[in-house]
Amino acid sequence: MYFFTATGFTQHQNSSIQTDAITFEKSLKNKSYDDLLNDFYANKELDSAKAATIIGYLKRHFLNSNDENEVAESYLTIATWQEKNDSLKLAMVNLDIAIAKATKLDNKNLLYQSYNKKASYFFKTGDNGKALDNFFVALAIAKQTNNLNRQLVTSNNIILINIQVDDNLGAIAAFLDNLKIIESFNDETLNETKLQIYFGLVKAHINLFNYEDATLYCNLGLELSEQINAIDFQGYFRVFLGEIASNRGRYKEAHELFNKAEELVAKAGGDKVLDIFLKLYFGKTYALENKHQEAIDEFLKCEQLLEANNTDFLSIQELYVNLAKSYLALENIKESTKYFEKANDIDVKNDKKRAILNSRITQEALRNLKGQIDALQKKSKRTKYIYAIGITFLFFVIIGLILYYKKQQHKNKVRFTTLMSQLEEKRRQEKKPPAIQEATSKKTEDIEESLHTETNIEPIEIDSKDAEILEKLIEFEEKEQFLSNESTLIEVAKKIQTNTTYLSKVINTHKEKSFTAYITDLRVDYAIERLSHDRKFRSFTIGAIAQEIGFKRSESFSKAFKVKTGLYPSYFIKEVERQ
């Protein structure tokens, strides 16, 4: 009886839902195109079934419309829905179609929306370079159409990228300028743009550890977002307040704020970016509470979300640093080393990305400056004077860059010459016959002397156990076992029959460096020596050389080589070849 009753009830429910869907779809026939779009955006977050029905209707009836403007806007709307449902690649394809059609029609409204959406999608995935490209185009269109709100929105998005490249003070100044413009109009339609500015101000102040101002703008943003029922911004501002509370040691308050933010994100239909950073902030708070396993669980969830959504934020590097620290606190050396190396590799890549983005932002600023100068030329007799100053300034900048380049080249030449002289001296010393050791007990004295001849520090007394480890390290170096990429602290400790703690202590005390620095120095010294005389080895790619001497990545090798010699390996190889 229960089975048949439940089955009948379920069938009735499904039938009712299908009937409602059919009824809703039929009702769409009586609506204008603009009404359809309004219904879609009204239901996008609140009723996904209705939104999907409208998208299906647009695909069937408007992609082949006689009105090309409707076709273009339909592709734009479909892309919006696809991005919402994690089909970012399809969304990008449809945005490109919308842009192509809007360009042909010279429809500035659709062009702005398409470029702005495309830029926002790239920004959400962490591709700041492509985001900038599209934001700059969107900003130019907004200026052409004299649409102040759109200019402010796009300008704010570009300023957020400034924060990504650590220009927090510049970002704060730019946001405050935009805030003054909004407040001078006293227009409620600009409230969401004002929220965007509060968001950016909070983030920049947190980055500068200025928690008082960050809290001020957070509360202003939260109050305004509740007034206009902007649920997504309510979530973001609570996350920021939670981050501030966590950094100030108020962990219980932080967890409550993060949990509330999670509820708001779910209510708003989800937010992939905020979800990623929520996991990061949960983990950081647990780590500060010394709950390292809970912290690792949250950090790993964050890593999974990054990989699943194919996102790459500049600021996410701290995830791997925190993972390394938490694993280290649990004495899991293997995982700690893995994430330390990952953080190090990302640091190298992020430096390059930030340099490129800074260059792009500067170039755009110079282009804008040139545009302003050109406008002044038409309106003012003083333009020639201003233009001359600009040209003179650029001339001196170019001369300065040339001089800087030449100076760097000279420094590199000196460094190379010094390095080669040191190599020659080292080879001459090695050709001399070694001193005969008088007794086994004298080995300890020889080791002490070799460790302290170049300093004025009183020799450190070496006990027999330390001396034994140092002798084994000499053998380790002579057999070039450090070239293996398995030369971790654990593996080397096994080879010389000691524990990791004691080996690390001996190297820190007698080699005056960490184990990682010790292995890195040995590898770089080996690379310098071999590259200087082995032509075949010099013909390898940087990546192949790195792999050959135990580095997992070419970037790690290049960075280590540069730190030790002041030169990049590519420059050293080129100069050796010249000789």
Protein backbone atom coordinates (compact mmCIF):
# COMPACT_ATOMS: atom_id res chain seq x y z
CA MET A 1 0.00 0.00 0.00
CA TYR A 2 2.77 2.44 1.00
CA PHE A 3 4.76 1.60 -2.18
CA PHE A 4 1.86 2.23 -4.55
CA THR A 5 0.78 5.37 -2.70
CA ALA A 6 4.34 6.83 -2.71
CA THR A 7 4.84 5.89 -6.37
CA GLY A 8 1.55 7.47 -7.33
CA PHE A 9 2.38 10.63 -5.37
CA THR A 10 5.82 10.90 -7.05
CA GLN A 11 4.31 10.38 -10.50
CA HIS A 12 1.71 13.03 -9.74
CA GLN A 13 4.47 15.45 -8.58
CA ASN A 14 6.56 14.85 -11.74
CA SER A 15 3.49 15.23 -13.89
CA SER A 16 2.66 18.49 -12.13
CA ILE A 17 6.21 19.83 -12.64
CA GLN A 18 6.14 18.87 -16.34
CA THR A 19 2.74 20.56 -16.73
CA ASP A 20 4.06 23.75 -15.07
CA ALA A 21 7.14 23.72 -17.35
CA ILE A 22 4.99 23.28 -20.48
CA THR A 23 2.65 26.02 -19.32
CA PHE A 24 5.57 28.34 -18.63
CA GLU A 25 7.13 27.63 -22.06
CA LYS A 26 3.82 28.32 -23.80
CA SER A 27 3.56 31.64 -21.97
CA LEU A 28 6.86 32.72 -23.54
CA LYS A 29 5.25 32.93 -26.99
CA ASN A 30 3.22 35.94 -25.93
CA LYS A 31 6.23 37.91 -24.66
CA SER A 32 8.41 40.42 -26.44
CA TYR A 33 12.15 39.79 -26.86
CA ASP A 34 13.01 42.36 -24.15
CA ASP A 35 10.54 40.75 -21.74
CA LEU A 36 12.16 37.35 -22.36
CA LEU A 37 15.58 38.75 -21.44
CA ASN A 38 14.19 40.47 -18.34
CA ASP A 39 12.57 37.19 -17.26
CA PHE A 40 15.84 35.32 -17.81
CA TYR A 41 17.93 37.68 -15.65
CA ALA A 42 15.18 37.74 -12.99
CA ASN A 43 15.16 33.91 -12.79
CA LYS A 44 18.88 33.22 -13.38
CA GLU A 45 19.60 32.95 -9.63
CA LEU A 46 16.12 32.31 -8.22
CA ASP A 47 14.65 29.65 -10.55
CA SER A 48 17.20 27.81 -12.68
CA ALA A 49 14.50 25.64 -14.34
CA LYS A 50 12.70 28.69 -15.73
CA ALA A 51 16.00 30.31 -16.76
CA ALA A 52 17.00 27.12 -18.63
CA THR A 53 13.61 27.03 -20.37
CA ILE A 54 14.08 30.63 -21.56
CA ILE A 55 17.59 29.81 -22.87
CA GLY A 56 16.20 26.81 -24.77
CA TYR A 57 13.48 29.03 -26.24
CA LEU A 58 16.07 31.65 -27.32
CA LYS A 59 18.16 28.95 -29.04
CA ARG A 60 15.17 27.61 -30.99
CA HIS A 61 13.54 30.89 -31.98
CA PHE A 62 16.09 33.73 -32.00
CA LEU A 63 19.48 32.43 -33.19
CA ASN A 64 18.10 32.55 -36.75
CA SER A 65 16.05 35.72 -36.28
CA ASN A 66 15.85 38.29 -39.08
CA ASP A 67 16.87 40.92 -36.52
CA GLU A 68 20.68 40.61 -36.24
CA ASN A 69 20.67 42.61 -32.99
CA GLU A 70 18.45 39.96 -31.41
CA VAL A 71 20.76 37.22 -32.70
CA ALA A 72 23.83 38.92 -31.20
CA GLU A 73 22.14 39.54 -27.84
CA SER A 74 20.87 35.94 -27.76
CA TYR A 75 24.43 34.63 -28.06
CA LEU A 76 25.46 37.00 -25.26
CA THR A 77 22.61 35.77 -23.01
CA ILE A 78 23.36 32.11 -23.76
CA ALA A 79 27.02 32.71 -22.84
CA THR A 80 25.89 34.21 -19.51
CA TRP A 81 23.94 31.04 -18.73
CA GLN A 82 26.78 28.74 -19.82
CA GLU A 83 29.27 30.51 -17.55
CA LYS A 84 26.80 30.21 -14.68
CA ASN A 85 26.69 26.44 -15.29
CA ASP A 86 30.49 25.92 -15.52
CA SER A 87 30.68 25.74 -19.33
CA LEU A 88 33.25 28.52 -19.61
CA LYS A 89 34.76 27.35 -22.92
CA LEU A 90 31.33 27.32 -24.59
CA ALA A 91 30.56 30.70 -23.01
CA MET A 92 33.74 32.17 -24.56
CA VAL A 93 32.83 30.76 -27.99
CA ASN A 94 29.38 32.34 -27.86
CA LEU A 95 30.78 35.65 -26.58
CA ASP A 96 33.14 35.75 -29.58
CA ILE A 97 30.16 35.18 -31.90
CA ALA A 98 28.25 37.98 -30.12
CA ILE A 99 31.27 40.31 -30.47
CA ALA A 100 31.66 39.53 -34.18
CA LYS A 101 27.97 40.24 -34.88
CA ALA A 102 27.86 43.35 -32.65
CA THR A 103 30.99 44.70 -34.39
CA LYS A 104 29.38 44.23 -37.79
CA LEU A 105 26.25 46.02 -36.53
CA ASP A 106 28.34 48.69 -34.69
CA ASN A 107 26.14 48.01 -31.65
CA LYS A 108 28.18 49.70 -28.91
CA ASN A 109 25.84 48.55 -26.14
CA LEU A 110 26.25 44.86 -26.99
CA LEU A 111 29.97 45.30 -27.64
CA TYR A 112 30.51 46.79 -24.20
CA GLN A 113 28.52 44.03 -22.47
CA SER A 114 30.30 41.27 -24.40
CA TYR A 115 33.84 42.56 -23.80
CA ASN A 116 33.10 43.32 -20.15
CA LYS A 117 31.67 39.83 -19.57
CA LYS A 118 34.58 38.20 -21.37
CA ALA A 119 37.06 40.18 -19.25
CA SER A 120 35.18 39.23 -16.05
CA TYR A 121 35.29 35.54 -16.98
CA PHE A 122 39.05 35.70 -17.58
CA PHE A 123 39.50 37.57 -14.27
CA LYS A 124 37.56 34.87 -12.40
CA THR A 125 39.90 32.18 -13.76
CA GLY A 126 42.99 34.20 -12.81
CA ASP A 127 44.02 35.06 -16.40
CA ASN A 128 44.66 38.73 -15.62
CA GLY A 129 46.48 39.46 -18.90
CA LYS A 130 43.48 38.51 -21.09
CA ALA A 131 41.16 40.17 -18.59
CA LEU A 132 43.09 43.45 -19.01
CA ASP A 133 42.93 43.19 -22.82
CA ASN A 134 39.13 42.98 -22.76
CA PHE A 135 38.61 45.49 -19.93
CA PHE A 136 40.62 48.09 -21.86
CA VAL A 137 38.42 47.56 -24.94
CA ALA A 138 35.26 47.77 -22.78
CA LEU A 139 36.52 50.98 -21.13
CA ALA A 140 37.22 52.57 -24.52
CA ILE A 141 33.65 51.75 -25.65
CA ALA A 142 32.19 53.13 -22.40
CA LYS A 143 34.09 56.39 -23.00
CA GLN A 144 32.90 56.59 -26.62
CA THR A 145 29.28 56.30 -25.46
CA ASN A 146 29.79 58.70 -22.49
CA ASN A 147 28.31 56.11 -20.10
CA LEU A 148 29.67 57.15 -16.68
CA ASN A 149 28.49 54.08 -14.76
CA ARG A 150 30.09 51.71 -17.25
CA GLN A 151 33.33 53.71 -17.19
CA LEU A 152 33.42 53.46 -13.39
CA VAL A 153 32.57 49.72 -13.34
CA THR A 154 35.28 48.86 -15.86
CA SER A 155 37.79 51.20 -14.23
CA ASN A 156 37.14 49.49 -10.87
CA ASN A 157 37.77 46.06 -12.44
CA ILE A 158 41.11 47.25 -13.84
CA ILE A 159 42.04 48.66 -10.41
CA LEU A 160 41.32 45.23 -8.87
CA ILE A 161 44.05 43.84 -11.15
CA ASN A 162 46.37 46.52 -9.74
CA ILE A 163 45.79 44.88 -6.35
CA GLN A 164 46.76 41.52 -7.89
CA VAL A 165 50.18 43.00 -8.81
CA ASP A 166 50.61 44.37 -5.24
CA ASP A 167 49.99 48.03 -6.12
CA ASN A 168 47.69 48.43 -3.11
CA LEU A 169 48.40 52.13 -2.42
CA GLY A 170 47.82 53.04 -6.08
CA ALA A 171 44.60 51.02 -6.06
CA ILE A 172 43.32 52.80 -2.91
CA ALA A 173 43.98 56.23 -4.45
CA ALA A 174 42.17 55.27 -7.69
CA PHE A 175 39.17 53.75 -5.84
CA LEU A 176 38.79 56.88 -3.67
CA ASP A 177 38.79 59.06 -6.82
CA ASN A 178 35.98 56.93 -8.28
CA LEU A 179 34.10 57.05 -4.96
CA LYS A 180 34.20 60.87 -5.00
CA ILE A 181 32.66 60.88 -8.49
CA ILE A 182 29.81 58.58 -7.38
CA GLU A 183 29.08 60.57 -4.22
CA SER A 184 28.97 63.83 -6.19
CA PHE A 185 25.97 62.49 -8.20
CA ASN A 186 23.96 61.08 -5.27
CA ASP A 187 22.41 58.56 -7.69
CA GLU A 188 21.03 55.30 -6.24
CA THR A 189 21.53 53.50 -9.57
CA LEU A 190 25.27 53.72 -8.84
CA ASN A 191 24.96 51.81 -5.53
CA GLU A 192 26.22 48.50 -6.93
CA THR A 193 29.25 50.30 -8.40
CA LYS A 194 29.84 51.85 -4.97
CA LEU A 195 29.78 48.34 -3.46
CA GLN A 196 32.43 47.29 -5.96
CA ILE A 197 34.62 50.18 -4.75
CA TYR A 198 34.09 49.26 -1.07
CA PHE A 199 35.08 45.68 -1.97
CA GLY A 200 38.34 46.84 -3.57
CA LEU A 201 39.17 49.26 -0.73
CA VAL A 202 38.70 46.51 1.87
CA LYS A 203 40.95 44.08 -0.03
CA ALA A 204 43.72 46.66 -0.52
CA HIS A 205 43.66 47.76 3.14
CA ILE A 206 43.77 44.12 4.36
CA ASN A 207 46.81 43.52 2.12
CA LEU A 208 48.47 46.51 3.84
CA PHE A 209 47.47 45.15 7.32
CA ASN A 210 45.42 48.34 7.85
CA TYR A 211 42.55 46.57 9.61
CA GLU A 212 40.86 49.73 11.00
CA ASP A 213 40.18 51.20 7.54
CA ALA A 214 39.40 47.74 6.15
CA THR A 215 36.75 47.24 8.87
CA LEU A 216 35.29 50.71 8.20
CA TYR A 217 34.74 50.03 4.48
CA CYS A 218 33.57 46.49 5.25
CA ASN A 219 30.79 47.79 7.50
CA LEU A 220 29.81 50.46 4.96
CA GLY A 221 29.69 47.79 2.24
CA LEU A 222 27.71 45.36 4.37
CA GLU A 223 25.15 48.03 5.30
CA LEU A 224 24.66 49.10 1.66
CA SER A 225 24.53 45.51 0.34
CA GLU A 226 21.78 44.68 2.87
CA GLN A 227 19.84 47.82 1.85
CA ILE A 228 19.79 46.85 -1.84
CA ASN A 229 19.64 43.07 -1.14
CA ALA A 230 22.96 42.32 -2.91
CA ILE A 231 23.43 38.83 -1.43
CA ASP A 232 26.76 38.08 -3.16
CA PHE A 233 28.36 41.25 -1.74
CA GLN A 234 26.97 40.43 1.72
CA GLY A 235 28.88 37.15 1.47
CA TYR A 236 32.13 38.81 0.40
CA PHE A 237 32.04 41.46 3.15
CA ARG A 238 31.43 38.80 5.82
CA VAL A 239 34.41 36.83 4.50
CA PHE A 240 36.57 39.96 4.78
CA LEU A 241 35.36 40.60 8.34
CA GLY A 242 36.15 36.95 9.13
CA GLU A 243 39.67 37.32 7.70
CA ILE A 244 40.25 40.43 9.86
CA ALA A 245 38.90 38.65 12.96
CA SER A 246 41.14 35.64 12.27
CA ASN A 247 44.23 37.83 11.84
CA ARG A 248 43.44 39.49 15.17
CA GLY A 249 43.10 36.17 17.01
CA ARG A 250 39.28 36.12 17.26
CA TYR A 251 38.96 32.63 15.77
CA LYS A 252 35.43 31.76 16.96
CA GLU A 253 34.09 35.00 15.45
CA ALA A 254 35.99 34.26 12.22
CA HIS A 255 34.42 30.79 11.88
CA GLU A 256 30.91 32.19 12.48
CA LEU A 257 31.42 34.84 9.78
CA PHE A 258 32.79 32.29 7.28
CA ASN A 259 29.83 29.95 7.95
CA LYS A 260 27.38 32.81 7.41
CA ALA A 261 29.19 33.72 4.18
CA GLU A 262 28.83 30.11 2.98
CA GLU A 263 25.07 30.27 3.56
CA LEU A 264 24.83 33.54 1.61
CA VAL A 265 26.90 32.11 -1.28
CA ALA A 266 24.54 29.13 -1.49
CA LYS A 267 21.54 31.49 -1.37
CA ALA A 268 23.01 33.56 -4.24
CA GLY A 269 23.30 30.45 -6.42
CA GLY A 270 27.00 29.78 -5.74
CA ASP A 271 30.22 31.65 -6.36
CA LYS A 272 33.22 29.55 -7.45
CA VAL A 273 35.80 32.24 -6.67
CA LEU A 274 34.46 32.97 -3.17
CA ASP A 275 34.16 29.25 -2.45
CA ILE A 276 37.87 28.78 -3.26
CA PHE A 277 38.96 31.62 -0.98
CA LEU A 278 36.57 30.53 1.79
CA LYS A 279 38.38 27.19 1.96
CA LEU A 280 41.70 29.07 2.10
CA TYR A 281 40.52 31.34 4.95
CA PHE A 282 39.03 28.43 6.90
CA GLY A 283 42.38 26.63 6.60
CA LYS A 284 44.42 29.69 7.63
CA THR A 285 42.24 30.15 10.72
CA TYR A 286 42.62 26.48 11.73
CA ALA A 287 46.40 26.81 11.26
CA LEU A 288 46.49 29.85 13.55
CA GLU A 289 44.61 27.77 16.12
CA ASN A 290 47.28 25.03 15.73
CA LYS A 291 44.64 22.65 14.37
CA HIS A 292 46.92 21.65 11.54
CA GLN A 293 45.10 18.53 10.30
CA GLU A 294 41.83 20.50 9.97
CA ALA A 295 43.82 23.25 8.22
CA ILE A 296 45.29 20.73 5.74
CA ASP A 297 41.82 19.30 5.01
CA GLU A 298 40.52 22.79 4.08
CA PHE A 299 43.66 23.66 2.06
CA LEU A 300 43.37 20.42 0.06
CA LYS A 301 39.71 21.18 -0.69
CA CYS A 302 40.86 24.59 -1.93
CA GLU A 303 43.49 22.95 -4.15
CA GLN A 304 40.88 20.55 -5.59
CA LEU A 305 38.55 23.47 -6.42
CA LEU A 306 41.40 25.33 -8.14
CA GLU A 307 42.18 22.31 -10.31
CA ALA A 308 38.51 21.51 -11.02
CA ASN A 309 37.77 25.09 -12.12
CA ASN A 310 41.12 25.55 -13.90
CA THR A 311 41.79 28.79 -12.01
CA ASP A 312 45.17 30.39 -11.33
CA PHE A 313 45.07 33.44 -9.05
CA LEU A 314 48.30 35.30 -8.28
CA SER A 315 47.33 35.55 -4.63
CA ILE A 316 46.71 31.78 -4.29
CA GLN A 317 50.46 31.12 -3.81
CA GLU A 318 49.91 31.46 -0.07
CA LEU A 319 47.82 28.26 -0.21
CA TYR A 320 50.94 26.19 -0.91
CA VAL A 321 53.03 28.08 1.64
CA ASN A 322 50.39 27.36 4.30
CA LEU A 323 50.16 23.70 3.26
CA ALA A 324 53.95 23.38 3.59
CA LYS A 325 53.84 24.99 7.07
CA SER A 326 50.97 22.81 8.32
CA TYR A 327 52.60 19.60 7.07
CA LEU A 328 55.86 20.70 8.70
CA ALA A 329 54.02 21.28 11.99
CA LEU A 330 52.81 17.65 11.75
CA GLU A 331 56.41 16.59 10.90
CA ASN A 332 55.39 15.29 7.47
CA ILE A 333 58.64 16.32 5.76
CA LYS A 334 57.77 14.73 2.39
CA GLU A 335 54.51 16.65 1.88
CA SER A 336 55.98 19.82 3.39
CA THR A 337 58.88 19.74 0.92
CA LYS A 338 56.49 19.04 -1.98
CA TYR A 339 54.36 22.10 -1.26
CA PHE A 340 57.36 24.28 -0.41
CA GLU A 341 58.80 23.53 -3.86
CA LYS A 342 55.41 24.14 -5.47
CA ALA A 343 55.15 27.53 -3.72
CA ASN A 344 58.70 28.37 -4.81
CA ASP A 345 57.94 27.49 -8.46
CA ILE A 346 54.73 29.55 -8.41
CA ASP A 347 56.64 32.47 -6.87
CA VAL A 348 58.99 32.54 -9.89
CA LYS A 349 56.05 32.39 -12.33
CA ASN A 350 54.08 35.02 -10.41
CA ASP A 351 57.03 37.44 -10.52
CA LYS A 352 57.01 37.17 -14.32
CA LYS A 353 53.23 37.58 -14.48
CA ARG A 354 53.30 40.64 -12.22
CA ALA A 355 56.06 42.21 -14.30
CA ILE A 356 54.04 41.69 -17.51
CA LEU A 357 50.83 43.03 -15.95
CA ASN A 358 52.62 46.08 -14.53
CA SER A 359 54.06 46.74 -17.97
CA ARG A 360 50.60 46.42 -19.57
CA ILE A 361 48.99 48.78 -17.05
CA THR A 362 51.83 51.30 -17.49
CA GLN A 363 51.54 51.11 -21.29
CA GLU A 364 47.80 51.76 -21.10
CA ALA A 365 48.40 54.69 -18.74
CA LEU A 366 50.90 56.13 -21.23
CA ARG A 367 48.42 55.66 -24.08
CA ASN A 368 45.77 57.48 -22.05
CA LEU A 369 48.28 60.22 -21.30
CA LYS A 370 49.04 60.57 -24.99
CA GLY A 371 45.30 60.75 -25.74
CA GLN A 372 44.91 63.54 -23.20
CA ILE A 373 47.87 65.39 -24.71
CA ASP A 374 46.33 65.07 -28.19
CA ALA A 375 43.02 66.43 -26.88
CA LEU A 376 44.79 69.39 -25.29
CA GLN A 377 46.53 70.06 -28.59
CA LYS A 378 43.18 70.88 -30.19
CA LYS A 379 41.98 73.07 -27.35
CA SER A 380 45.03 74.93 -26.08
CA LYS A 381 47.87 77.00 -27.51
CA ARG A 382 50.12 75.61 -24.81
CA THR A 383 49.94 72.13 -26.31
CA LYS A 384 53.22 72.38 -28.20
CA TYR A 385 55.01 73.20 -24.97
CA ILE A 386 53.33 70.26 -23.16
CA TYR A 387 54.02 67.93 -26.07
CA ALA A 388 57.69 68.99 -26.10
CA ILE A 389 57.91 68.22 -22.38
CA GLY A 390 56.34 64.81 -23.02
CA ILE A 391 58.79 64.04 -25.84
CA THR A 392 61.73 65.26 -23.72
CA PHE A 393 60.55 63.13 -20.84
CA LEU A 394 60.22 60.07 -23.09
CA PHE A 395 63.64 60.82 -24.59
CA PHE A 396 65.25 60.88 -21.15
CA VAL A 397 63.37 57.73 -20.17
CA ILE A 398 64.73 55.95 -23.27
CA ILE A 399 68.26 57.25 -22.63
CA GLY A 400 67.94 56.15 -19.01
CA LEU A 401 66.82 52.68 -20.07
CA ILE A 402 69.73 52.39 -22.52
CA LEU A 403 72.22 53.47 -19.84
CA TYR A 404 70.66 51.09 -17.36
CA TYR A 405 70.93 48.26 -19.90
CA LYS A 406 74.59 49.06 -20.60
CA LYS A 407 75.32 49.25 -16.87
CA GLN A 408 73.71 45.85 -16.33
CA GLN A 409 75.70 44.42 -19.24
CA HIS A 410 78.93 45.77 -17.72
CA LYS A 411 78.02 44.29 -14.31
CA ASN A 412 77.31 40.94 -15.93
CA LYS A 413 80.69 41.03 -17.74
CA VAL A 414 82.49 41.73 -14.46
CA ARG A 415 80.58 38.95 -12.70
CA PHE A 416 81.40 36.51 -15.51
CA THR A 417 85.11 37.42 -15.51
CA THR A 418 85.29 37.08 -11.71
CA LEU A 419 83.52 33.72 -11.85
CA MET A 420 85.90 32.38 -14.52
CA SER A 421 88.92 33.62 -12.53
CA GLN A 422 87.64 31.80 -9.45
CA LEU A 423 87.22 28.64 -11.52
CA GLU A 424 90.80 28.85 -12.81
CA GLU A 425 92.14 29.41 -9.30
CA LYS A 426 90.15 26.44 -8.02
CA ARG A 427 91.55 24.20 -10.78
CA ARG A 428 95.13 25.29 -10.03
CA GLN A 429 94.65 24.47 -6.36
CA GLU A 430 93.26 21.03 -7.20
CA LYS A 431 96.34 20.18 -9.33
CA LYS A 432 98.66 20.60 -6.32
CA PRO A 433 99.53 17.29 -4.51
CA PRO A 434 97.35 16.81 -1.41
CA ALA A 435 98.95 16.92 2.01
CA ILE A 436 99.55 13.52 3.55
CA GLN A 437 97.36 12.90 6.55
CA GLU A 438 99.49 11.78 9.52
CA ALA A 439 96.87 9.95 11.49
CA THR A 440 93.17 9.20 11.56
CA SER A 441 92.71 11.52 14.52
CA LYS A 442 94.03 14.46 12.42
CA LYS A 443 90.99 14.24 10.08
CA THR A 444 88.92 16.16 12.58
CA GLU A 445 91.50 18.98 12.72
CA ASP A 446 91.65 19.18 8.88
CA ILE A 447 87.87 19.47 8.69
CA GLU A 448 87.84 22.22 11.33
CA GLU A 449 90.58 24.14 9.53
CA SER A 450 88.82 23.92 6.13
CA LEU A 451 85.63 25.22 7.66
CA HIS A 452 87.20 28.30 9.29
CA THR A 453 90.20 29.41 7.21
CA GLU A 454 88.16 32.10 5.43
CA THR A 455 86.70 33.61 8.60
CA ASN A 456 87.97 35.19 11.76
CA ILE A 457 85.59 33.11 13.86
CA GLU A 458 87.12 30.87 16.49
CA PRO A 459 87.05 27.24 15.24
CA ILE A 460 84.09 25.21 16.45
CA GLU A 461 85.08 22.07 18.32
CA ILE A 462 83.92 19.03 16.42
CA ASP A 463 83.10 15.90 18.35
CA SER A 464 83.79 12.47 16.87
CA LYS A 465 80.18 11.92 15.79
CA ASP A 466 80.04 15.24 13.89
CA ALA A 467 83.42 14.50 12.31
CA GLU A 468 82.18 11.11 11.12
CA ILE A 469 79.14 12.70 9.45
CA LEU A 470 81.31 15.42 7.86
CA GLU A 471 83.65 12.75 6.45
CA LYS A 472 80.67 10.93 4.95
CA LEU A 473 79.44 14.21 3.46
CA ILE A 474 82.87 14.67 1.82
CA GLU A 475 82.47 11.20 0.30
CA PHE A 476 78.86 12.13 -0.70
CA GLU A 477 80.22 15.20 -2.50
CA GLU A 478 83.13 13.39 -4.17
CA LYS A 479 80.79 10.70 -5.58
CA GLU A 480 78.47 13.52 -6.82
CA GLN A 481 75.45 11.85 -5.24
CA PHE A 482 73.86 15.28 -4.82
CA LEU A 483 73.00 15.19 -8.56
CA SER A 484 70.19 12.72 -7.88
CA ASN A 485 66.79 14.37 -7.63
CA GLU A 486 66.18 11.95 -4.74
CA SER A 487 68.76 13.79 -2.60
CA THR A 488 66.22 14.85 0.00
CA LEU A 489 67.08 15.31 3.67
CA ILE A 490 65.54 11.92 4.46
CA GLU A 491 67.41 10.05 1.67
CA VAL A 492 70.79 11.63 2.42
CA ALA A 493 70.36 10.89 6.14
CA LYS A 494 69.75 7.23 5.26
CA LYS A 495 72.86 7.10 3.04
CA ILE A 496 75.17 8.40 5.74
CA GLN A 497 73.40 6.39 8.45
CA THR A 498 72.06 9.15 10.68
CA ASN A 499 68.72 10.82 11.35
CA THR A 500 67.37 13.93 9.60
CA THR A 501 67.45 16.11 12.70
CA TYR A 502 71.11 15.41 13.43
CA LEU A 503 72.17 15.75 9.77
CA SER A 504 70.35 19.07 9.49
CA LYS A 505 72.02 20.30 12.71
CA VAL A 506 75.54 19.31 11.51
CA ILE A 507 75.07 21.07 8.15
CA ASN A 508 73.62 24.18 9.82
CA THR A 509 76.51 24.29 12.32
CA HIS A 510 79.51 23.36 10.21
CA LYS A 511 78.43 24.31 6.68
CA GLU A 512 76.59 27.41 7.97
CA LYS A 513 73.61 26.86 5.69
CA SER A 514 70.38 24.89 5.52
CA PHE A 515 70.28 21.42 3.96
CA THR A 516 68.37 22.74 0.92
CA ALA A 517 70.94 25.53 0.40
CA TYR A 518 73.78 23.00 0.81
CA ILE A 519 72.42 20.69 -1.93
CA THR A 520 71.53 23.64 -4.19
CA ASP A 521 75.06 25.12 -3.87
CA LEU A 522 76.67 21.78 -4.72
CA ARG A 523 74.50 21.43 -7.82
CA VAL A 524 75.12 24.99 -9.01
CA ASP A 525 78.90 24.64 -8.43
CA TYR A 526 78.84 21.41 -10.43
CA ALA A 527 76.87 23.11 -13.23
CA ILE A 528 79.34 26.04 -13.37
CA GLU A 529 82.35 23.72 -13.56
CA ARG A 530 80.88 21.40 -16.17
CA LEU A 531 79.41 24.14 -18.35
CA SER A 532 82.81 25.87 -18.43
CA HIS A 533 84.56 22.88 -20.08
CA ASP A 534 81.92 20.52 -21.50
CA ARG A 535 80.72 21.84 -24.88
CA LYS A 536 78.18 19.06 -25.33
CA PHE A 537 76.66 19.85 -21.92
CA ARG A 538 76.38 23.51 -22.96
CA SER A 539 74.34 22.46 -26.02
CA PHE A 540 71.56 21.11 -23.79
CA THR A 541 68.44 23.16 -23.08
CA ILE A 542 68.22 24.86 -19.67
CA GLY A 543 65.48 22.40 -18.75
CA ALA A 544 67.66 19.40 -19.68
CA ILE A 545 70.63 20.81 -17.71
CA ALA A 546 68.36 21.34 -14.70
CA GLN A 547 67.08 17.74 -14.88
CA GLU A 548 70.64 16.42 -15.32
CA ILE A 549 71.86 18.01 -12.08
CA GLY A 550 68.85 17.17 -9.92
CA PHE A 551 66.49 20.15 -10.29
CA LYS A 552 62.89 19.30 -11.10
CA ARG A 553 62.19 22.57 -12.93
CA SER A 554 64.26 24.86 -15.12
CA GLU A 555 62.92 27.91 -13.24
CA SER A 556 64.27 26.58 -9.92
CA PHE A 557 67.70 26.01 -11.48
CA SER A 558 67.79 29.44 -13.15
CA LYS A 559 66.80 31.17 -9.92
CA ALA A 560 69.44 29.26 -7.89
CA PHE A 561 72.14 29.99 -10.49
CA LYS A 562 71.23 33.70 -10.52
CA VAL A 563 71.27 33.93 -6.71
CA LYS A 564 74.73 32.35 -6.49
CA THR A 565 76.44 34.03 -9.49
CA GLY A 566 74.37 37.11 -10.29
CA LEU A 567 73.97 35.69 -13.83
CA TYR A 568 71.37 33.60 -15.60
CA PRO A 569 72.66 30.24 -16.89
CA SER A 570 71.74 31.21 -20.48
CA TYR A 571 74.02 34.29 -20.26
CA PHE A 572 76.87 32.25 -18.71
CA ILE A 573 76.64 29.63 -21.50
CA LYS A 574 76.63 32.34 -24.18
CA GLU A 575 79.73 34.02 -22.74
CA VAL A 576 81.61 30.71 -22.35
CA GLU A 577 80.81 29.90 -26.00
CA ARG A 578 82.25 33.27 -27.05
CA GLN A 579 85.52 32.45 -25.34
